[in-house]
Amino acid sequence: MYPGAKLLEDMAGQFPEVQESYVCHVENYDEVLPHLFLWDLIRAIVESALVDDDWLVVWGPVLDFLEARAAQGDTEDINVIDHSFLLSLPCPDSPGYSIINHLGPSMAQRFSQIRPSG
């Protein structure tokens, strides 16, 4: 099992929107590949944010879940959140960059440390 797989399994267990993608991902790859899964998740969040004014109704709780896990300080969770989620968020001139305004305090601080230029 790759580092971060438990984080994604827990997230899928709490959110139906994530569960469907998680099941499909595991069927396609026979295991959880955290970096690839989170890349797909970011794409879904960005697409939703760009076309749906109510995107936070669905995706806000997922961001809150990641925030809570980042704040708990588990090294494995933090590494996956940092390297597979925060580093993959859109760049400043890219559509969807405003998602960073919805990161919780722990993830926002980590984002500013690992991507000081945005």
Protein backbone atom coordinates (compact mmCIF):
# COMPACT_ATOMS: atom_id res chain seq x y z
CA MET A 1 0.00 0.00 0.00
CA TYR A 2 1.37 3.40 -0.99
CA PRO A 3 1.78 6.13 1.63
CA GLY A 4 -1.43 8.13 1.73
CA ALA A 5 -3.69 5.30 0.63
CA LYS A 6 -5.36 5.20 4.05
CA LEU A 7 -6.05 8.94 3.88
CA LEU A 8 -7.81 8.47 0.54
CA GLU A 9 -9.69 5.40 1.73
CA ASP A 10 -10.95 7.37 4.74
CA MET A 11 -11.96 10.30 2.52
CA ALA A 12 -13.81 8.01 0.10
CA GLY A 13 -15.66 6.46 3.03
CA GLN A 14 -17.01 9.86 4.09
CA PHE A 15 -17.90 11.51 0.79
CA PRO A 16 -20.03 9.90 -1.94
CA GLU A 17 -18.51 12.25 -4.56
CA VAL A 18 -15.07 10.90 -3.71
CA GLN A 19 -16.24 7.29 -3.26
CA GLU A 20 -17.34 6.93 -6.87
CA SER A 21 -14.00 8.19 -8.20
CA TYR A 22 -12.10 6.10 -5.67
CA VAL A 23 -13.84 2.85 -6.71
CA CYS A 24 -13.25 3.62 -10.38
CA HIS A 25 -9.59 4.45 -9.67
CA VAL A 26 -9.00 1.18 -7.81
CA GLU A 27 -10.74 -0.79 -10.57
CA ASN A 28 -8.52 0.87 -13.19
CA TYR A 29 -5.19 0.57 -11.36
CA ASP A 30 -5.77 -2.39 -9.00
CA GLU A 31 -4.55 -0.22 -6.13
CA VAL A 32 -4.64 3.35 -4.87
CA LEU A 33 -2.07 5.66 -6.42
CA PRO A 34 -2.41 8.74 -4.19
CA HIS A 35 -0.69 11.25 -6.46
CA LEU A 36 -2.75 10.26 -9.48
CA PHE A 37 -5.99 10.05 -7.51
CA LEU A 38 -5.51 13.49 -5.96
CA TRP A 39 -4.66 14.96 -9.36
CA ASP A 40 -8.00 13.67 -10.65
CA LEU A 41 -9.73 14.99 -7.54
CA ILE A 42 -8.23 18.46 -8.03
CA ARG A 43 -9.40 18.44 -11.63
CA ALA A 44 -12.95 17.60 -10.50
CA ILE A 45 -12.89 20.34 -7.85
CA VAL A 46 -11.56 22.95 -10.31
CA GLU A 47 -14.10 22.00 -12.99
CA SER A 48 -16.89 22.27 -10.45
CA ALA A 49 -15.63 25.63 -9.12
CA LEU A 50 -15.53 27.04 -12.65
CA VAL A 51 -19.09 26.09 -13.61
CA ASP A 52 -21.08 25.84 -10.37
CA ASP A 53 -21.57 28.72 -7.93
CA ASP A 54 -22.49 26.17 -5.25
CA TRP A 55 -19.35 24.04 -5.68
CA LEU A 56 -18.42 24.51 -2.01
CA VAL A 57 -21.58 22.69 -0.94
CA VAL A 58 -20.08 19.51 -2.40
CA TRP A 59 -16.34 20.13 -2.22
CA GLY A 60 -16.03 22.33 0.87
CA PRO A 61 -16.41 19.35 3.24
CA VAL A 62 -13.70 17.49 1.29
CA LEU A 63 -11.35 20.47 1.69
CA ASP A 64 -12.28 20.56 5.39
CA PHE A 65 -11.44 16.86 5.68
CA LEU A 66 -8.01 17.44 4.14
CA GLU A 67 -7.51 20.43 6.43
CA ALA A 68 -8.33 18.37 9.51
CA ARG A 69 -5.93 15.63 8.46
CA ALA A 70 -3.17 18.17 7.69
CA ALA A 71 -3.71 19.84 11.08
CA GLN A 72 -3.45 16.51 12.94
CA GLY A 73 0.21 16.36 12.01
CA ASP A 74 0.46 12.77 10.77
CA THR A 75 3.63 12.75 8.65
CA GLU A 76 2.26 10.39 6.01
CA ASP A 77 -0.93 12.43 5.57
CA ILE A 78 0.98 15.71 5.45
CA ASN A 79 3.41 14.41 2.83
CA VAL A 80 0.58 13.27 0.57
CA ILE A 81 -1.40 16.48 1.09
CA ASP A 82 1.68 18.62 0.42
CA HIS A 83 3.14 16.75 -2.54
CA SER A 84 0.06 15.31 -4.18
CA PHE A 85 -2.57 17.95 -3.44
CA LEU A 86 -1.14 21.37 -2.63
CA LEU A 87 1.67 21.22 -5.19
CA SER A 88 -0.85 20.22 -7.87
CA LEU A 89 -3.31 23.06 -7.33
CA PRO A 90 -3.66 25.50 -10.24
CA CYS A 91 -1.01 28.17 -10.75
CA PRO A 92 -1.82 31.87 -10.20
CA ASP A 93 -2.81 32.62 -13.82
CA SER A 94 -4.71 29.36 -14.28
CA PRO A 95 -8.47 28.89 -14.08
CA GLY A 96 -9.47 27.66 -10.65
CA TYR A 97 -6.57 29.24 -8.76
CA SER A 98 -9.10 30.95 -6.45
CA ILE A 99 -9.55 27.55 -4.78
CA ILE A 100 -6.59 28.47 -2.59
CA ASN A 101 -8.82 31.07 -0.93
CA HIS A 102 -10.83 28.16 0.47
CA LEU A 103 -7.96 26.26 2.06
CA GLY A 104 -8.09 26.00 5.83
CA PRO A 105 -5.38 27.67 7.93
CA SER A 106 -3.08 24.66 8.13
CA MET A 107 -3.17 23.92 4.41
CA ALA A 108 -2.94 27.64 3.53
CA GLN A 109 0.21 27.94 5.64
CA ARG A 110 1.71 24.80 4.10
CA PHE A 111 0.75 26.04 0.62
CA SER A 112 2.56 29.34 1.18
CA GLN A 113 5.65 27.45 2.39
CA ILE A 114 5.87 24.95 -0.46
CA ARG A 115 4.66 27.35 -3.17
CA PRO A 116 5.77 30.82 -2.04
CA SER A 117 5.00 32.31 -5.45
CA GLY A 118 1.51 30.84 -5.49
